């Protein structure tokens, strides 16, 4: 869900699907590498908890290896989606609104012969 929201945000800024695909793939790879305790000895640091996949990763690990359900981590995906959706919607509105003065916005009906 988090990357779906990030995709909405990127859609307001990137012009091509290939650019968006590349950015999403690289972001997800960096996110995964930073959380991997084998490749990153600092994977338990405080900043890792702010990454988009932290909540789903914790839920999947808890489901696979414990009997506990981390309810707080279940909400991190929808929170990331909502935050990115709001930012993407605001960016889209700012980039696509009519910047002409109010007097120039009036549109007359087309003349038909």
C-alpha atoms as a PDB file:
ATOM      1  CA  UNK A   1       0.000   0.000   0.000  1.00  0.00           C
ATOM      2  CA  UNK A   2       2.812   2.370   0.786  1.00  0.00           C
ATOM      3  CA  UNK A   3       4.309   2.072  -2.678  1.00  0.00           C
ATOM      4  CA  UNK A   4       0.887   2.562  -4.251  1.00  0.00           C
ATOM      5  CA  UNK A   5       0.695   5.928  -2.520  1.00  0.00           C
ATOM      6  CA  UNK A   6       4.251   6.745  -3.564  1.00  0.00           C
ATOM      7  CA  UNK A   7       3.249   5.903  -7.144  1.00  0.00           C
ATOM      8  CA  UNK A   8       0.376   8.389  -6.938  1.00  0.00           C
ATOM      9  CA  UNK A   9       2.780  11.049  -5.698  1.00  0.00           C
ATOM     10  CA  UNK A  10       5.306  10.285  -8.433  1.00  0.00           C
ATOM     11  CA  UNK A  11       2.557  10.439 -11.056  1.00  0.00           C
ATOM     12  CA  UNK A  12       2.198  14.148 -10.352  1.00  0.00           C
ATOM     13  CA  UNK A  13       5.879  14.800 -11.092  1.00  0.00           C
ATOM     14  CA  UNK A  14       7.174  12.249 -13.592  1.00  0.00           C
ATOM     15  CA  UNK A  15       6.218  12.440 -17.264  1.00  0.00           C
ATOM     16  CA  UNK A  16       6.856   8.872 -18.363  1.00  0.00           C
ATOM     17  CA  UNK A  17       5.849   5.440 -17.041  1.00  0.00           C
ATOM     18  CA  UNK A  18       9.407   4.189 -17.437  1.00  0.00           C
ATOM     19  CA  UNK A  19      10.713   6.905 -15.116  1.00  0.00           C
ATOM     20  CA  UNK A  20       8.106   6.031 -12.500  1.00  0.00           C
ATOM     21  CA  UNK A  21       8.815   2.322 -12.786  1.00  0.00           C
ATOM     22  CA  UNK A  22      12.540   2.900 -12.343  1.00  0.00           C
ATOM     23  CA  UNK A  23      12.067   5.169  -9.311  1.00  0.00           C
ATOM     24  CA  UNK A  24       9.641   2.760  -7.612  1.00  0.00           C
ATOM     25  CA  UNK A  25      11.920  -0.241  -8.203  1.00  0.00           C
ATOM     26  CA  UNK A  26      15.008   1.571  -6.926  1.00  0.00           C
ATOM     27  CA  UNK A  27      13.127   2.901  -3.895  1.00  0.00           C
ATOM     28  CA  UNK A  28      11.859  -0.558  -2.988  1.00  0.00           C
ATOM     29  CA  UNK A  29      15.346  -2.060  -3.398  1.00  0.00           C
ATOM     30  CA  UNK A  30      16.886   0.567  -1.137  1.00  0.00           C
ATOM     31  CA  UNK A  31      14.089   0.078   1.381  1.00  0.00           C
ATOM     32  CA  UNK A  32      14.647  -3.681   1.414  1.00  0.00           C
ATOM     33  CA  UNK A  33      18.435  -3.409   1.644  1.00  0.00           C
ATOM     34  CA  UNK A  34      18.294  -0.981   4.566  1.00  0.00           C
ATOM     35  CA  UNK A  35      16.036  -3.331   6.536  1.00  0.00           C
ATOM     36  CA  UNK A  36      18.097  -6.465   5.865  1.00  0.00           C
ATOM     37  CA  UNK A  37      20.112  -7.276   9.006  1.00  0.00           C
ATOM     38  CA  UNK A  38      22.622  -9.380   7.004  1.00  0.00           C
ATOM     39  CA  UNK A  39      23.676  -6.612   4.611  1.00  0.00           C
ATOM     40  CA  UNK A  40      23.108  -3.669   6.936  1.00  0.00           C
ATOM     41  CA  UNK A  41      24.377  -3.884  10.522  1.00  0.00           C
ATOM     42  CA  UNK A  42      22.400  -0.719  11.342  1.00  0.00           C
ATOM     43  CA  UNK A  43      19.053  -2.289  10.407  1.00  0.00           C
ATOM     44  CA  UNK A  44      17.814  -1.914  13.988  1.00  0.00           C
ATOM     45  CA  UNK A  45      18.432   1.846  14.144  1.00  0.00           C
ATOM     46  CA  UNK A  46      15.605   4.324  14.710  1.00  0.00           C
ATOM     47  CA  UNK A  47      15.534   5.747  11.170  1.00  0.00           C
ATOM     48  CA  UNK A  48      14.628   2.388   9.631  1.00  0.00           C
ATOM     49  CA  UNK A  49      11.208   2.567  11.287  1.00  0.00           C
ATOM     50  CA  UNK A  50      10.272   5.480   9.009  1.00  0.00           C
ATOM     51  CA  UNK A  51      10.647   3.435   5.801  1.00  0.00           C
ATOM     52  CA  UNK A  52       7.507   2.449   3.844  1.00  0.00           C
ATOM     53  CA  UNK A  53       7.996  -1.317   4.130  1.00  0.00           C
ATOM     54  CA  UNK A  54       8.905  -1.396   7.816  1.00  0.00           C
ATOM     55  CA  UNK A  55       5.363  -2.129   9.024  1.00  0.00           C
ATOM     56  CA  UNK A  56       4.567  -4.906   6.511  1.00  0.00           C
ATOM     57  CA  UNK A  57       7.985  -6.482   7.102  1.00  0.00           C
ATOM     58  CA  UNK A  58       7.427  -6.568  10.858  1.00  0.00           C
ATOM     59  CA  UNK A  59       3.943  -8.056  10.421  1.00  0.00           C
ATOM     60  CA  UNK A  60       5.217 -10.777   8.072  1.00  0.00           C
ATOM     61  CA  UNK A  61       8.081 -11.657  10.408  1.00  0.00           C
ATOM     62  CA  UNK A  62       5.751 -11.821  13.394  1.00  0.00           C
ATOM     63  CA  UNK A  63       3.293 -13.985  11.451  1.00  0.00           C
ATOM     64  CA  UNK A  64       6.034 -16.376  10.390  1.00  0.00           C
ATOM     65  CA  UNK A  65       7.948 -16.750  13.619  1.00  0.00           C
ATOM     66  CA  UNK A  66       5.709 -15.754  16.554  1.00  0.00           C
ATOM     67  CA  UNK A  67       2.120 -16.024  17.632  1.00  0.00           C
ATOM     68  CA  UNK A  68       1.785 -12.293  18.302  1.00  0.00           C
ATOM     69  CA  UNK A  69       0.019  -9.815  16.034  1.00  0.00           C
ATOM     70  CA  UNK A  70       1.654  -6.367  15.912  1.00  0.00           C
ATOM     71  CA  UNK A  71      -1.492  -4.286  15.360  1.00  0.00           C
ATOM     72  CA  UNK A  72       0.398  -0.995  15.360  1.00  0.00           C
ATOM     73  CA  UNK A  73       2.560  -2.152  12.463  1.00  0.00           C
ATOM     74  CA  UNK A  74      -0.532  -3.194  10.500  1.00  0.00           C
ATOM     75  CA  UNK A  75      -1.535   0.473  10.304  1.00  0.00           C
ATOM     76  CA  UNK A  76       1.775   1.718   8.882  1.00  0.00           C
ATOM     77  CA  UNK A  77       0.939   0.679   5.288  1.00  0.00           C
ATOM     78  CA  UNK A  78      -2.385   2.546   5.169  1.00  0.00           C
ATOM     79  CA  UNK A  79      -0.779   5.562   6.890  1.00  0.00           C
ATOM     80  CA  UNK A  80       1.945   5.693   4.222  1.00  0.00           C
ATOM     81  CA  UNK A  81      -0.696   5.364   1.503  1.00  0.00           C
ATOM     82  CA  UNK A  82      -2.854   8.150   2.948  1.00  0.00           C
ATOM     83  CA  UNK A  83       0.088  10.517   3.448  1.00  0.00           C
ATOM     84  CA  UNK A  84       1.463   9.964  -0.070  1.00  0.00           C
ATOM     85  CA  UNK A  85      -2.035  10.201  -1.578  1.00  0.00           C
ATOM     86  CA  UNK A  86      -2.618  13.556   0.123  1.00  0.00           C
ATOM     87  CA  UNK A  87       0.756  14.876  -1.049  1.00  0.00           C
ATOM     88  CA  UNK A  88       0.150  13.561  -4.576  1.00  0.00           C
ATOM     89  CA  UNK A  89      -3.316  15.098  -4.744  1.00  0.00           C
ATOM     90  CA  UNK A  90      -2.009  18.456  -3.522  1.00  0.00           C
ATOM     91  CA  UNK A  91       0.857  18.359  -6.035  1.00  0.00           C
ATOM     92  CA  UNK A  92      -1.523  17.431  -8.845  1.00  0.00           C
ATOM     93  CA  UNK A  93      -3.847  20.295  -7.947  1.00  0.00           C
ATOM     94  CA  UNK A  94      -0.996  22.810  -7.832  1.00  0.00           C
ATOM     95  CA  UNK A  95       0.453  21.619 -11.129  1.00  0.00           C
ATOM     96  CA  UNK A  96      -2.833  21.476 -13.068  1.00  0.00           C
ATOM     97  CA  UNK A  97      -4.890  24.392 -11.800  1.00  0.00           C
ATOM     98  CA  UNK A  98      -5.700  27.351 -14.002  1.00  0.00           C
ATOM     99  CA  UNK A  99      -3.119  30.089 -13.413  1.00  0.00           C
ATOM    100  CA  UNK A 100      -4.830  32.709 -15.574  1.00  0.00           C
ATOM    101  CA  UNK A 101      -6.408  35.772 -13.942  1.00  0.00           C
ATOM    102  CA  UNK A 102     -10.133  35.420 -13.152  1.00  0.00           C
ATOM    103  CA  UNK A 103     -11.147  37.754 -16.003  1.00  0.00           C
ATOM    104  CA  UNK A 104      -9.424  35.544 -18.582  1.00  0.00           C
ATOM    105  CA  UNK A 105     -11.093  32.351 -17.319  1.00  0.00           C
ATOM    106  CA  UNK A 106     -14.500  33.106 -18.758  1.00  0.00           C
ATOM    107  CA  UNK A 107     -15.100  30.950 -21.773  1.00  0.00           C
ATOM    108  CA  UNK A 108     -17.695  31.924 -24.338  1.00  0.00           C
ATOM    109  CA  UNK A 109     -19.840  29.360 -26.091  1.00  0.00           C
ATOM    110  CA  UNK A 110     -18.520  28.215 -29.472  1.00  0.00           C
ATOM    111  CA  UNK A 111     -20.194  29.760 -32.493  1.00  0.00           C
ATOM    112  CA  UNK A 112     -21.851  27.209 -34.734  1.00  0.00           C
ATOM    113  CA  UNK A 113     -22.635  27.991 -38.370  1.00  0.00           C
END
